[in-house]
Each structure stands twice: as structure tokens, then as C-alpha cells.
Amino acid sequence: MKQDIEDMQALMRLKGGDRLVHKTMLYLHDRARFEPRWLKALKDSKDLPVMVFWGDSDAVAPKEIAISLADYIKPEAFTGRTMKGAGHFLMLEQPQKWAATISQFVKTHSGKRSSSK
């Protein structure tokens, strides 16, 4: 644990990153500020197909968040996907697999709406 903390601190200092940490902390403030609006948008998505795509090794946002998002989306409009071996930044960690998954979802749902309105 001590080594993990030291490694994280070293990464934060990399290329002067420690001078920017305060900006990353603003994320928590923004999340609290905007989360009600984001959740309302999901709830209001009605029959719009929605995919929640999560990395199974996401240390920033645990999968419980993804699971809870499903409560705001109609079941017939919801698609849940997990990328094995990916963390928080799926599109950077496994860009080809991420793009293929997104493309397939769009292709499958293009022009479609769920049947209940």
C-alpha cells in the first residue's frame, strides 16, 4: 500500500503534474453540481437506445455506478457492455475494441427506437 501511494505521488509529479492537481479535484465539484442534470437526461431519454460501456478494471468509477445508471434507462432501450482488462479510459486503453463496440451499437440501433413510447 505504501509503495502504491508513493507510485501515485510520483506519477502526479511527472512533468509538473503536481501543479495541476487542483484542476483534477474540480471534477468532484462538477460531478456533484451536474449529476442531477445528467441523471435527468438519462431518465428523459425515453426510447433512445443507450449503451453504458465500462472497463472491468475501472479504479476511478466502480461498476456499481454503471449498474445504477441502468435504473434511469428503460430496460428495452438499455445495453450494458463491459470491456475486459480496461480501466477508466477504454477508448485510450483499447481503442480498436472500443471503436468496434461503439460502431456496432450505432449500426445496430441506427434509425431504431425501442417499441414502447
PDB file of N, CA and C in Angstrom:
ATOM      1  N   MET A   1       0.830  -1.192   0.000  1.00  0.00           N
ATOM      2  CA  MET A   1       0.000   0.000   0.000  1.00  0.00           C
ATOM      3  C   MET A   1       0.876   1.258   0.000  1.00  0.00           C
ATOM      4  N   LYS A   2       1.902   1.270   0.845  1.00  0.00           N
ATOM      5  CA  LYS A   2       2.791   2.431   0.913  1.00  0.00           C
ATOM      6  C   LYS A   2       3.459   2.663  -0.442  1.00  0.00           C
ATOM      7  N   GLN A   3       3.901   1.587  -1.087  1.00  0.00           N
ATOM      8  CA  GLN A   3       4.540   1.713  -2.401  1.00  0.00           C
ATOM      9  C   GLN A   3       3.545   2.239  -3.433  1.00  0.00           C
ATOM     10  N   ASP A   4       2.305   1.781  -3.367  1.00  0.00           N
ATOM     11  CA  ASP A   4       1.276   2.265  -4.297  1.00  0.00           C
ATOM     12  C   ASP A   4       1.087   3.767  -4.158  1.00  0.00           C
ATOM     13  N   ILE A   5       1.036   4.234  -2.928  1.00  0.00           N
ATOM     14  CA  ILE A   5       0.861   5.676  -2.691  1.00  0.00           C
ATOM     15  C   ILE A   5       2.062   6.451  -3.216  1.00  0.00           C
ATOM     16  N   GLU A   6       3.249   5.948  -2.968  1.00  0.00           N
ATOM     17  CA  GLU A   6       4.457   6.610  -3.465  1.00  0.00           C
ATOM     18  C   GLU A   6       4.474   6.636  -4.993  1.00  0.00           C
ATOM     19  N   ASP A   7       4.052   5.537  -5.619  1.00  0.00           N
ATOM     20  CA  ASP A   7       3.994   5.490  -7.082  1.00  0.00           C
ATOM     21  C   ASP A   7       2.986   6.501  -7.622  1.00  0.00           C
ATOM     22  N   MET A   8       1.838   6.594  -6.972  1.00  0.00           N
ATOM     23  CA  MET A   8       0.821   7.556  -7.405  1.00  0.00           C
ATOM     24  C   MET A   8       1.345   8.991  -7.263  1.00  0.00           C
ATOM     25  N   GLN A   9       2.028   9.264  -6.178  1.00  0.00           N
ATOM     26  CA  GLN A   9       2.586  10.603  -5.971  1.00  0.00           C
ATOM     27  C   GLN A   9       3.645  10.911  -7.026  1.00  0.00           C
ATOM     28  N   ALA A  10       4.462   9.934  -7.364  1.00  0.00           N
ATOM     29  CA  ALA A  10       5.479  10.136  -8.395  1.00  0.00           C
ATOM     30  C   ALA A  10       4.827  10.432  -9.739  1.00  0.00           C
ATOM     31  N   LEU A  11       3.758   9.717 -10.064  1.00  0.00           N
ATOM     32  CA  LEU A  11       3.048   9.973 -11.320  1.00  0.00           C
ATOM     33  C   LEU A  11       2.424  11.365 -11.328  1.00  0.00           C
ATOM     34  N   MET A  12       1.907  11.801 -10.197  1.00  0.00           N
ATOM     35  CA  MET A  12       1.304  13.136 -10.134  1.00  0.00           C
ATOM     36  C   MET A  12       2.353  14.226 -10.360  1.00  0.00           C
ATOM     37  N   ARG A  13       3.591  13.972  -9.934  1.00  0.00           N
ATOM     38  CA  ARG A  13       4.664  14.960 -10.110  1.00  0.00           C
ATOM     39  C   ARG A  13       5.253  14.950 -11.517  1.00  0.00           C
ATOM     40  N   LEU A  14       4.994  13.889 -12.274  1.00  0.00           N
ATOM     41  CA  LEU A  14       5.549  13.732 -13.613  1.00  0.00           C
ATOM     42  C   LEU A  14       5.218  14.942 -14.482  1.00  0.00           C
ATOM     43  N   LYS A  15       6.230  15.524 -15.082  1.00  0.00           N
ATOM     44  CA  LYS A  15       6.083  16.672 -15.983  1.00  0.00           C
ATOM     45  C   LYS A  15       5.294  17.820 -15.354  1.00  0.00           C
ATOM     46  N   GLY A  16       5.495  18.012 -14.061  1.00  0.00           N
ATOM     47  CA  GLY A  16       4.851  19.137 -13.375  1.00  0.00           C
ATOM     48  C   GLY A  16       3.377  18.937 -13.076  1.00  0.00           C
ATOM     49  N   GLY A  17       2.917  17.702 -13.142  1.00  0.00           N
ATOM     50  CA  GLY A  17       1.508  17.415 -12.899  1.00  0.00           C
ATOM     51  C   GLY A  17       1.017  17.836 -11.524  1.00  0.00           C
ATOM     52  N   ASP A  18       1.935  17.870 -10.555  1.00  0.00           N
ATOM     53  CA  ASP A  18       1.526  18.276  -9.209  1.00  0.00           C
ATOM     54  C   ASP A  18       1.042  19.722  -9.173  1.00  0.00           C
ATOM     55  N   ARG A  19       1.427  20.512 -10.172  1.00  0.00           N
ATOM     56  CA  ARG A  19       0.946  21.907 -10.236  1.00  0.00           C
ATOM     57  C   ARG A  19      -0.468  21.989 -10.809  1.00  0.00           C
ATOM     58  N   LEU A  20      -0.999  20.853 -11.290  1.00  0.00           N
ATOM     59  CA  LEU A  20      -2.329  20.834 -11.900  1.00  0.00           C
ATOM     60  C   LEU A  20      -3.344  20.017 -11.108  1.00  0.00           C
ATOM     61  N   VAL A  21      -2.918  19.415 -10.018  1.00  0.00           N
ATOM     62  CA  VAL A  21      -3.795  18.539  -9.251  1.00  0.00           C
ATOM     63  C   VAL A  21      -5.082  19.250  -8.844  1.00  0.00           C
ATOM     64  N   HIS A  22      -4.996  20.511  -8.494  1.00  0.00           N
ATOM     65  CA  HIS A  22      -6.199  21.246  -8.074  1.00  0.00           C
ATOM     66  C   HIS A  22      -7.270  21.241  -9.163  1.00  0.00           C
ATOM     67  N   LYS A  23      -6.832  21.214 -10.413  1.00  0.00           N
ATOM     68  CA  LYS A  23      -7.804  21.194 -11.516  1.00  0.00           C
ATOM     69  C   LYS A  23      -8.519  19.847 -11.599  1.00  0.00           C
ATOM     70  N   THR A  24      -7.800  18.773 -11.337  1.00  0.00           N
ATOM     71  CA  THR A  24      -8.456  17.468 -11.379  1.00  0.00           C
ATOM     72  C   THR A  24      -9.425  17.312 -10.217  1.00  0.00           C
ATOM     73  N   MET A  25      -9.158  17.977  -9.126  1.00  0.00           N
ATOM     74  CA  MET A  25     -10.055  17.902  -7.977  1.00  0.00           C
ATOM     75  C   MET A  25     -11.391  18.588  -8.267  1.00  0.00           C
ATOM     76  N   LEU A  26     -11.390  19.505  -9.202  1.00  0.00           N
ATOM     77  CA  LEU A  26     -12.633  20.176  -9.574  1.00  0.00           C
ATOM     78  C   LEU A  26     -13.656  19.194 -10.136  1.00  0.00           C
ATOM     79  N   TYR A  27     -13.182  18.046 -10.609  1.00  0.00           N
ATOM     80  CA  TYR A  27     -14.091  17.027 -11.133  1.00  0.00           C
ATOM     81  C   TYR A  27     -15.141  16.652 -10.097  1.00  0.00           C
ATOM     82  N   LEU A  28     -14.718  16.485  -8.854  1.00  0.00           N
ATOM     83  CA  LEU A  28     -15.670  16.088  -7.813  1.00  0.00           C
ATOM     84  C   LEU A  28     -16.732  17.159  -7.612  1.00  0.00           C
ATOM     85  N   HIS A  29     -16.322  18.401  -7.646  1.00  0.00           N
ATOM     86  CA  HIS A  29     -17.284  19.504  -7.529  1.00  0.00           C
ATOM     87  C   HIS A  29     -18.232  19.504  -8.721  1.00  0.00           C
ATOM     88  N   ASP A  30     -17.688  19.356  -9.919  1.00  0.00           N
ATOM     89  CA  ASP A  30     -18.522  19.346 -11.126  1.00  0.00           C
ATOM     90  C   ASP A  30     -19.484  18.165 -11.127  1.00  0.00           C
ATOM     91  N   ARG A  31     -19.013  17.035 -10.663  1.00  0.00           N
ATOM     92  CA  ARG A  31     -19.882  15.857 -10.636  1.00  0.00           C
ATOM     93  C   ARG A  31     -21.079  16.105  -9.717  1.00  0.00           C
ATOM     94  N   ALA A  32     -20.824  16.644  -8.540  1.00  0.00           N
ATOM     95  CA  ALA A  32     -21.921  16.932  -7.610  1.00  0.00           C
ATOM     96  C   ALA A  32     -22.865  17.978  -8.195  1.00  0.00           C
ATOM     97  N   ARG A  33     -22.295  18.928  -8.891  1.00  0.00           N
ATOM     98  CA  ARG A  33     -23.087  20.013  -9.473  1.00  0.00           C
ATOM     99  C   ARG A  33     -23.944  19.555 -10.653  1.00  0.00           C
ATOM    100  N   PHE A  34     -23.377  18.698 -11.511  1.00  0.00           N
ATOM    101  CA  PHE A  34     -24.061  18.325 -12.752  1.00  0.00           C
ATOM    102  C   PHE A  34     -24.751  16.962 -12.717  1.00  0.00           C
ATOM    103  N   GLU A  35     -24.449  16.134 -11.731  1.00  0.00           N
ATOM    104  CA  GLU A  35     -25.015  14.786 -11.710  1.00  0.00           C
ATOM    105  C   GLU A  35     -26.548  14.774 -11.795  1.00  0.00           C
ATOM    106  N   PRO A  36     -27.264  15.639 -11.075  1.00  0.00           N
ATOM    107  CA  PRO A  36     -28.731  15.617 -11.227  1.00  0.00           C
ATOM    108  C   PRO A  36     -29.177  15.880 -12.666  1.00  0.00           C
ATOM    109  N   ARG A  37     -28.490  16.764 -13.350  1.00  0.00           N
ATOM    110  CA  ARG A  37     -28.833  17.065 -14.744  1.00  0.00           C
ATOM    111  C   ARG A  37     -28.532  15.865 -15.648  1.00  0.00           C
ATOM    112  N   TRP A  38     -27.395  15.194 -15.411  1.00  0.00           N
ATOM    113  CA  TRP A  38     -27.035  14.031 -16.216  1.00  0.00           C
ATOM    114  C   TRP A  38     -28.048  12.909 -16.009  1.00  0.00           C
ATOM    115  N   LEU A  39     -28.414  12.667 -14.754  1.00  0.00           N
ATOM    116  CA  LEU A  39     -29.356  11.589 -14.473  1.00  0.00           C
ATOM    117  C   LEU A  39     -30.738  11.900 -15.034  1.00  0.00           C
ATOM    118  N   LYS A  40     -31.135  13.159 -14.973  1.00  0.00           N
ATOM    119  CA  LYS A  40     -32.420  13.550 -15.556  1.00  0.00           C
ATOM    120  C   LYS A  40     -32.405  13.320 -17.070  1.00  0.00           C
ATOM    121  N   ALA A  41     -31.294  13.641 -17.712  1.00  0.00           N
ATOM    122  CA  ALA A  41     -31.186  13.433 -19.162  1.00  0.00           C
ATOM    123  C   ALA A  41     -31.327  11.946 -19.504  1.00  0.00           C
ATOM    124  N   LEU A  42     -30.740  11.086 -18.691  1.00  0.00           N
ATOM    125  CA  LEU A  42     -30.894   9.641 -18.920  1.00  0.00           C
ATOM    126  C   LEU A  42     -32.347   9.230 -18.763  1.00  0.00           C
ATOM    127  N   LYS A  43     -32.961   9.713 -17.706  1.00  0.00           N
ATOM    128  CA  LYS A  43     -34.359   9.366 -17.438  1.00  0.00           C
ATOM    129  C   LYS A  43     -35.272   9.877 -18.551  1.00  0.00           C
ATOM    130  N   ASP A  44     -34.954  11.051 -19.088  1.00  0.00           N
ATOM    131  CA  ASP A  44     -35.760  11.655 -20.141  1.00  0.00           C
ATOM    132  C   ASP A  44     -35.439  11.105 -21.531  1.00  0.00           C
ATOM    133  N   SER A  45     -34.481  10.198 -21.615  1.00  0.00           N
ATOM    134  CA  SER A  45     -34.080   9.686 -22.927  1.00  0.00           C
ATOM    135  C   SER A  45     -35.178   8.866 -23.583  1.00  0.00           C
ATOM    136  N   LYS A  46     -36.230   8.565 -22.833  1.00  0.00           N
ATOM    137  CA  LYS A  46     -37.411   7.837 -23.326  1.00  0.00           C
ATOM    138  C   LYS A  46     -37.007   6.566 -24.066  1.00  0.00           C
ATOM    139  N   ASP A  47     -37.188   6.547 -25.375  1.00  0.00           N
ATOM    140  CA  ASP A  47     -36.935   5.325 -26.137  1.00  0.00           C
ATOM    141  C   ASP A  47     -35.610   5.365 -26.906  1.00  0.00           C
ATOM    142  N   LEU A  48     -34.774   6.340 -26.596  1.00  0.00           N
ATOM    143  CA  LEU A  48     -33.476   6.442 -27.252  1.00  0.00           C
ATOM    144  C   LEU A  48     -32.563   5.321 -26.751  1.00  0.00           C
ATOM    145  N   PRO A  49     -31.989   4.525 -27.645  1.00  0.00           N
ATOM    146  CA  PRO A  49     -31.075   3.465 -27.205  1.00  0.00           C
ATOM    147  C   PRO A  49     -29.851   4.058 -26.496  1.00  0.00           C
ATOM    148  N   VAL A  50     -29.506   3.488 -25.364  1.00  0.00           N
ATOM    149  CA  VAL A  50     -28.382   3.961 -24.559  1.00  0.00           C
ATOM    150  C   VAL A  50     -27.486   2.776 -24.221  1.00  0.00           C
ATOM    151  N   MET A  51     -26.187   2.946 -24.461  1.00  0.00           N
ATOM    152  CA  MET A  51     -25.236   1.913 -24.066  1.00  0.00           C
ATOM    153  C   MET A  51     -24.346   2.473 -22.961  1.00  0.00           C
ATOM    154  N   VAL A  52     -24.236   1.722 -21.879  1.00  0.00           N
ATOM    155  CA  VAL A  52     -23.295   2.035 -20.806  1.00  0.00           C
ATOM    156  C   VAL A  52     -22.142   1.058 -20.987  1.00  0.00           C
ATOM    157  N   PHE A  53     -20.959   1.599 -21.245  1.00  0.00           N
ATOM    158  CA  PHE A  53     -19.788   0.792 -21.606  1.00  0.00           C
ATOM    159  C   PHE A  53     -18.701   1.053 -20.570  1.00  0.00           C
ATOM    160  N   TRP A  54     -18.322   0.028 -19.840  1.00  0.00           N
ATOM    161  CA  TRP A  54     -17.461   0.182 -18.669  1.00  0.00           C
ATOM    162  C   TRP A  54     -16.264  -0.740 -18.748  1.00  0.00           C
ATOM    163  N   GLY A  55     -15.146  -0.298 -18.207  1.00  0.00           N
ATOM    164  CA  GLY A  55     -13.971  -1.157 -18.078  1.00  0.00           C
ATOM    165  C   GLY A  55     -14.085  -1.999 -16.818  1.00  0.00           C
ATOM    166  N   ASP A  56     -13.783  -3.286 -16.905  1.00  0.00           N
ATOM    167  CA  ASP A  56     -13.923  -4.153 -15.730  1.00  0.00           C
ATOM    168  C   ASP A  56     -12.851  -3.887 -14.674  1.00  0.00           C
ATOM    169  N   SER A  57     -11.851  -3.091 -15.018  1.00  0.00           N
ATOM    170  CA  SER A  57     -10.790  -2.760 -14.060  1.00  0.00           C
ATOM    171  C   SER A  57     -10.765  -1.267 -13.748  1.00  0.00           C
ATOM    172  N   ASP A  58     -11.915  -0.610 -13.867  1.00  0.00           N
ATOM    173  CA  ASP A  58     -12.004   0.835 -13.631  1.00  0.00           C
ATOM    174  C   ASP A  58     -11.844   1.130 -12.142  1.00  0.00           C
ATOM    175  N   ALA A  59     -10.733   1.756 -11.789  1.00  0.00           N
ATOM    176  CA  ALA A  59     -10.471   2.102 -10.396  1.00  0.00           C
ATOM    177  C   ALA A  59     -11.036   3.473 -10.044  1.00  0.00           C
ATOM    178  N   VAL A  60     -11.422   4.247 -11.040  1.00  0.00           N
ATOM    179  CA  VAL A  60     -11.960   5.588 -10.818  1.00  0.00           C
ATOM    180  C   VAL A  60     -13.455   5.525 -10.528  1.00  0.00           C
ATOM    181  N   ALA A  61     -14.164   4.776 -11.333  1.00  0.00           N
ATOM    182  CA  ALA A  61     -15.616   4.661 -11.200  1.00  0.00           C
ATOM    183  C   ALA A  61     -15.978   3.173 -11.186  1.00  0.00           C
ATOM    184  N   PRO A  62     -16.308   2.638 -10.029  1.00  0.00           N
ATOM    185  CA  PRO A  62     -16.603   1.203  -9.942  1.00  0.00           C
ATOM    186  C   PRO A  62     -17.845   0.814 -10.732  1.00  0.00           C
ATOM    187  N   LYS A  63     -17.929  -0.468 -11.076  1.00  0.00           N
ATOM    188  CA  LYS A  63     -19.027  -0.956 -11.912  1.00  0.00           C
ATOM    189  C   LYS A  63     -20.394  -0.722 -11.277  1.00  0.00           C
ATOM    190  N   GLU A  64     -20.447  -0.530  -9.970  1.00  0.00           N
ATOM    191  CA  GLU A  64     -21.722  -0.244  -9.312  1.00  0.00           C
ATOM    192  C   GLU A  64     -22.356   1.031  -9.855  1.00  0.00           C
ATOM    193  N   ILE A  65     -21.533   1.967 -10.300  1.00  0.00           N
ATOM    194  CA  ILE A  65     -22.062   3.190 -10.911  1.00  0.00           C
ATOM    195  C   ILE A  65     -22.762   2.841 -12.220  1.00  0.00           C
ATOM    196  N   ALA A  66     -22.120   2.026 -13.031  1.00  0.00           N
ATOM    197  CA  ALA A  66     -22.729   1.609 -14.304  1.00  0.00           C
ATOM    198  C   ALA A  66     -24.039   0.876 -14.054  1.00  0.00           C
ATOM    199  N   ILE A  67     -24.039   0.001 -13.075  1.00  0.00           N
ATOM    200  CA  ILE A  67     -25.251  -0.753 -12.746  1.00  0.00           C
ATOM    201  C   ILE A  67     -26.361   0.190 -12.301  1.00  0.00           C
ATOM    202  N   SER A  68     -26.023   1.181 -11.505  1.00  0.00           N
ATOM    203  CA  SER A  68     -27.047   2.113 -11.016  1.00  0.00           C
ATOM    204  C   SER A  68     -27.605   2.989 -12.143  1.00  0.00           C
ATOM    205  N   LEU A  69     -26.810   3.245 -13.173  1.00  0.00           N
ATOM    206  CA  LEU A  69     -27.299   4.041 -14.305  1.00  0.00           C
ATOM    207  C   LEU A  69     -28.440   3.343 -15.030  1.00  0.00           C
ATOM    208  N   ALA A  70     -28.433   2.034 -15.008  1.00  0.00           N
ATOM    209  CA  ALA A  70     -29.496   1.270 -15.672  1.00  0.00           C
ATOM    210  C   ALA A  70     -30.864   1.584 -15.076  1.00  0.00           C
ATOM    211  N   ASP A  71     -30.900   2.006 -13.823  1.00  0.00           N
ATOM    212  CA  ASP A  71     -32.173   2.359 -13.177  1.00  0.00           C
ATOM    213  C   ASP A  71     -32.834   3.580 -13.814  1.00  0.00           C
ATOM    214  N   TYR A  72     -32.070   4.366 -14.548  1.00  0.00           N
ATOM    215  CA  TYR A  72     -32.589   5.601 -15.148  1.00  0.00           C
ATOM    216  C   TYR A  72     -32.974   5.427 -16.619  1.00  0.00           C
ATOM    217  N   ILE A  73     -32.756   4.237 -17.147  1.00  0.00           N
ATOM    218  CA  ILE A  73     -32.973   3.982 -18.576  1.00  0.00           C
ATOM    219  C   ILE A  73     -34.009   2.876 -18.727  1.00  0.00           C
ATOM    220  N   LYS A  74     -34.926   3.049 -19.670  1.00  0.00           N
ATOM    221  CA  LYS A  74     -35.909   1.995 -19.920  1.00  0.00           C
ATOM    222  C   LYS A  74     -35.173   0.700 -20.268  1.00  0.00           C
ATOM    223  N   PRO A  75     -35.597  -0.415 -19.688  1.00  0.00           N
ATOM    224  CA  PRO A  75     -34.895  -1.690 -19.943  1.00  0.00           C
ATOM    225  C   PRO A  75     -34.770  -2.038 -21.430  1.00  0.00           C
ATOM    226  N   GLU A  76     -35.814  -1.755 -22.206  1.00  0.00           N
ATOM    227  CA  GLU A  76     -35.768  -2.092 -23.633  1.00  0.00           C
ATOM    228  C   GLU A  76     -34.837  -1.178 -24.430  1.00  0.00           C
ATOM    229  N   ALA A  77     -34.435  -0.055 -23.838  1.00  0.00           N
ATOM    230  CA  ALA A  77     -33.528   0.871 -24.512  1.00  0.00           C
ATOM    231  C   ALA A  77     -32.088   0.722 -24.003  1.00  0.00           C
ATOM    232  N   PHE A  78     -31.900  -0.076 -22.969  1.00  0.00           N
ATOM    233  CA  PHE A  78     -30.598  -0.185 -22.297  1.00  0.00           C
ATOM    234  C   PHE A  78     -29.750  -1.321 -22.849  1.00  0.00           C
ATOM    235  N   THR A  79     -28.484  -1.010 -23.099  1.00  0.00           N
ATOM    236  CA  THR A  79     -27.478  -2.016 -23.432  1.00  0.00           C
ATOM    237  C   THR A  79     -26.299  -1.798 -22.501  1.00  0.00           C
ATOM    238  N   GLY A  80     -25.884  -2.823 -21.802  1.00  0.00           N
ATOM    239  CA  GLY A  80     -24.720  -2.746 -20.924  1.00  0.00           C
ATOM    240  C   GLY A  80     -23.584  -3.569 -21.497  1.00  0.00           C
ATOM    241  N   ARG A  81     -22.397  -3.003 -21.534  1.00  0.00           N
ATOM    242  CA  ARG A  81     -21.212  -3.700 -22.036  1.00  0.00           C
ATOM    243  C   ARG A  81     -20.051  -3.464 -21.069  1.00  0.00           C
ATOM    244  N   THR A  82     -19.225  -4.484 -20.950  1.00  0.00           N
ATOM    245  CA  THR A  82     -18.017  -4.383 -20.131  1.00  0.00           C
ATOM    246  C   THR A  82     -16.829  -4.779 -20.993  1.00  0.00           C
ATOM    247  N   MET A  83     -15.760  -4.000 -20.900  1.00  0.00           N
ATOM    248  CA  MET A  83     -14.538  -4.324 -21.636  1.00  0.00           C
ATOM    249  C   MET A  83     -13.543  -4.970 -20.669  1.00  0.00           C
ATOM    250  N   LYS A  84     -13.206  -6.192 -20.958  1.00  0.00           N
ATOM    251  CA  LYS A  84     -12.274  -6.938 -20.115  1.00  0.00           C
ATOM    252  C   LYS A  84     -10.872  -6.334 -20.208  1.00  0.00           C
ATOM    253  N   GLY A  85     -10.261  -6.171 -19.049  1.00  0.00           N
ATOM    254  CA  GLY A  85      -8.888  -5.684 -18.997  1.00  0.00           C
ATOM    255  C   GLY A  85      -8.730  -4.198 -19.231  1.00  0.00           C
ATOM    256  N   ALA A  86      -9.820  -3.445 -19.124  1.00  0.00           N
ATOM    257  CA  ALA A  86      -9.750  -1.995 -19.340  1.00  0.00           C
ATOM    258  C   ALA A  86     -10.112  -1.253 -18.062  1.00  0.00           C
ATOM    259  N   GLY A  87      -9.528  -0.094 -17.902  1.00  0.00           N
ATOM    260  CA  GLY A  87      -9.814   0.754 -16.752  1.00  0.00           C
ATOM    261  C   GLY A  87     -10.805   1.843 -17.111  1.00  0.00           C
ATOM    262  N   HIS A  88     -10.524   3.052 -16.679  1.00  0.00           N
ATOM    263  CA  HIS A  88     -11.450   4.172 -16.835  1.00  0.00           C
ATOM    264  C   HIS A  88     -11.467   4.748 -18.255  1.00  0.00           C
ATOM    265  N   PHE A  89     -10.345   4.656 -18.951  1.00  0.00           N
ATOM    266  CA  PHE A  89     -10.238   5.272 -20.279  1.00  0.00           C
ATOM    267  C   PHE A  89     -10.197   4.202 -21.366  1.00  0.00           C
ATOM    268  N   LEU A  90     -11.327   3.539 -21.554  1.00  0.00           N
ATOM    269  CA  LEU A  90     -11.430   2.441 -22.516  1.00  0.00           C
ATOM    270  C   LEU A  90     -10.943   2.849 -23.895  1.00  0.00           C
ATOM    271  N   MET A  91     -11.340   4.031 -24.335  1.00  0.00           N
ATOM    272  CA  MET A  91     -11.023   4.481 -25.694  1.00  0.00           C
ATOM    273  C   MET A  91      -9.525   4.708 -25.903  1.00  0.00           C
ATOM    274  N   LEU A  92      -8.798   4.907 -24.814  1.00  0.00           N
ATOM    275  CA  LEU A  92      -7.345   5.074 -24.921  1.00  0.00           C
ATOM    276  C   LEU A  92      -6.607   3.756 -24.693  1.00  0.00           C
ATOM    277  N   GLU A  93      -7.173   2.926 -23.833  1.00  0.00           N
ATOM    278  CA  GLU A  93      -6.520   1.671 -23.480  1.00  0.00           C
ATOM    279  C   GLU A  93      -6.680   0.591 -24.559  1.00  0.00           C
ATOM    280  N   GLN A  94      -7.872   0.538 -25.152  1.00  0.00           N
ATOM    281  CA  GLN A  94      -8.147  -0.464 -26.190  1.00  0.00           C
ATOM    282  C   GLN A  94      -8.961   0.207 -27.303  1.00  0.00           C
ATOM    283  N   PRO A  95      -8.328   1.140 -28.028  1.00  0.00           N
ATOM    284  CA  PRO A  95      -9.089   1.957 -28.982  1.00  0.00           C
ATOM    285  C   PRO A  95      -9.785   1.174 -30.095  1.00  0.00           C
ATOM    286  N   GLN A  96      -9.163   0.126 -30.613  1.00  0.00           N
ATOM    287  CA  GLN A  96      -9.800  -0.627 -31.699  1.00  0.00           C
ATOM    288  C   GLN A  96     -11.042  -1.362 -31.197  1.00  0.00           C
ATOM    289  N   LYS A  97     -10.925  -2.002 -30.064  1.00  0.00           N
ATOM    290  CA  LYS A  97     -12.055  -2.737 -29.496  1.00  0.00           C
ATOM    291  C   LYS A  97     -13.169  -1.758 -29.095  1.00  0.00           C
ATOM    292  N   TRP A  98     -12.791  -0.635 -28.516  1.00  0.00           N
ATOM    293  CA  TRP A  98     -13.774   0.384 -28.129  1.00  0.00           C
ATOM    294  C   TRP A  98     -14.524   0.878 -29.362  1.00  0.00           C
ATOM    295  N   ALA A  99     -13.783   1.249 -30.405  1.00  0.00           N
ATOM    296  CA  ALA A  99     -14.408   1.773 -31.624  1.00  0.00           C
ATOM    297  C   ALA A  99     -15.311   0.727 -32.272  1.00  0.00           C
ATOM    298  N   ALA A 100     -14.879  -0.513 -32.296  1.00  0.00           N
ATOM    299  CA  ALA A 100     -15.693  -1.575 -32.893  1.00  0.00           C
ATOM    300  C   ALA A 100     -16.999  -1.765 -32.111  1.00  0.00           C
ATOM    301  N   THR A 101     -16.912  -1.700 -30.794  1.00  0.00           N
ATOM    302  CA  THR A 101     -18.107  -1.869 -29.957  1.00  0.00           C
ATOM    303  C   THR A 101     -19.075  -0.710 -30.156  1.00  0.00           C
ATOM    304  N   ILE A 102     -18.550   0.511 -30.166  1.00  0.00           N
ATOM    305  CA  ILE A 102     -19.395   1.691 -30.376  1.00  0.00           C
ATOM    306  C   ILE A 102     -20.012   1.647 -31.779  1.00  0.00           C
ATOM    307  N   SER A 103     -19.202   1.352 -32.776  1.00  0.00           N
ATOM    308  CA  SER A 103     -19.693   1.292 -34.161  1.00  0.00           C
ATOM    309  C   SER A 103     -20.800   0.257 -34.313  1.00  0.00           C
ATOM    310  N   GLN A 104     -20.607  -0.912 -33.703  1.00  0.00           N
ATOM    311  CA  GLN A 104     -21.623  -1.965 -33.799  1.00  0.00           C
ATOM    312  C   GLN A 104     -22.918  -1.532 -33.118  1.00  0.00           C
ATOM    313  N   PHE A 105     -22.808  -0.868 -31.982  1.00  0.00           N
ATOM    314  CA  PHE A 105     -24.006  -0.384 -31.287  1.00  0.00           C
ATOM    315  C   PHE A 105     -24.761   0.626 -32.147  1.00  0.00           C
ATOM    316  N   VAL A 106     -24.026   1.571 -32.719  1.00  0.00           N
ATOM    317  CA  VAL A 106     -24.655   2.594 -33.563  1.00  0.00           C
ATOM    318  C   VAL A 106     -25.289   1.937 -34.789  1.00  0.00           C
ATOM    319  N   LYS A 107     -24.557   1.028 -35.415  1.00  0.00           N
ATOM    320  CA  LYS A 107     -25.077   0.346 -36.601  1.00  0.00           C
ATOM    321  C   LYS A 107     -26.350  -0.439 -36.266  1.00  0.00           C
ATOM    322  N   THR A 108     -26.337  -1.137 -35.158  1.00  0.00           N
ATOM    323  CA  THR A 108     -27.483  -1.938 -34.733  1.00  0.00           C
ATOM    324  C   THR A 108     -28.694  -1.074 -34.429  1.00  0.00           C
ATOM    325  N   HIS A 109     -28.468   0.088 -33.840  1.00  0.00           N
ATOM    326  CA  HIS A 109     -29.566   0.927 -33.367  1.00  0.00           C
ATOM    327  C   HIS A 109     -29.859   2.125 -34.257  1.00  0.00           C
ATOM    328  N   SER A 110     -29.115   2.260 -35.323  1.00  0.00           N
ATOM    329  CA  SER A 110     -29.319   3.401 -36.210  1.00  0.00           C
ATOM    330  C   SER A 110     -30.733   3.388 -36.792  1.00  0.00           C
ATOM    331  N   GLY A 111     -31.454   4.469 -36.564  1.00  0.00           N
ATOM    332  CA  GLY A 111     -32.818   4.586 -37.066  1.00  0.00           C
ATOM    333  C   GLY A 111     -33.849   3.821 -36.258  1.00  0.00           C
ATOM    334  N   LYS A 112     -33.413   3.137 -35.211  1.00  0.00           N
ATOM    335  CA  LYS A 112     -34.348   2.375 -34.379  1.00  0.00           C
ATOM    336  C   LYS A 112     -34.677   3.144 -33.105  1.00  0.00           C
ATOM    337  N   ARG A 113     -35.848   2.914 -32.630  1.00  0.00           N
ATOM    338  CA  ARG A 113     -36.264   3.375 -31.314  1.00  0.00           C
ATOM    339  C   ARG A 113     -36.893   2.173 -30.638  1.00  0.00           C
ATOM    340  N   SER A 114     -36.832   2.109 -29.334  1.00  0.00           N
ATOM    341  CA  SER A 114     -37.485   0.982 -28.671  1.00  0.00           C
ATOM    342  C   SER A 114     -38.985   1.072 -28.909  1.00  0.00           C
ATOM    343  N   SER A 115     -39.673  -0.056 -28.856  1.00  0.00           N
ATOM    344  CA  SER A 115     -41.065  -0.121 -29.267  1.00  0.00           C
ATOM    345  C   SER A 115     -42.042   0.582 -28.328  1.00  0.00           C
ATOM    346  N   SER A 116     -41.718   0.719 -27.056  1.00  0.00           N
ATOM    347  CA  SER A 116     -42.661   1.386 -26.151  1.00  0.00           C
ATOM    348  C   SER A 116     -42.342   2.864 -26.055  1.00  0.00           C
ATOM    349  N   LYS A 117     -43.357   3.671 -26.188  1.00  0.00           N
ATOM    350  CA  LYS A 117     -43.168   5.126 -26.128  1.00  0.00           C
ATOM    351  C   LYS A 117     -43.994   5.710 -25.030  1.00  0.00           C
TER     352      LYS A 117
END
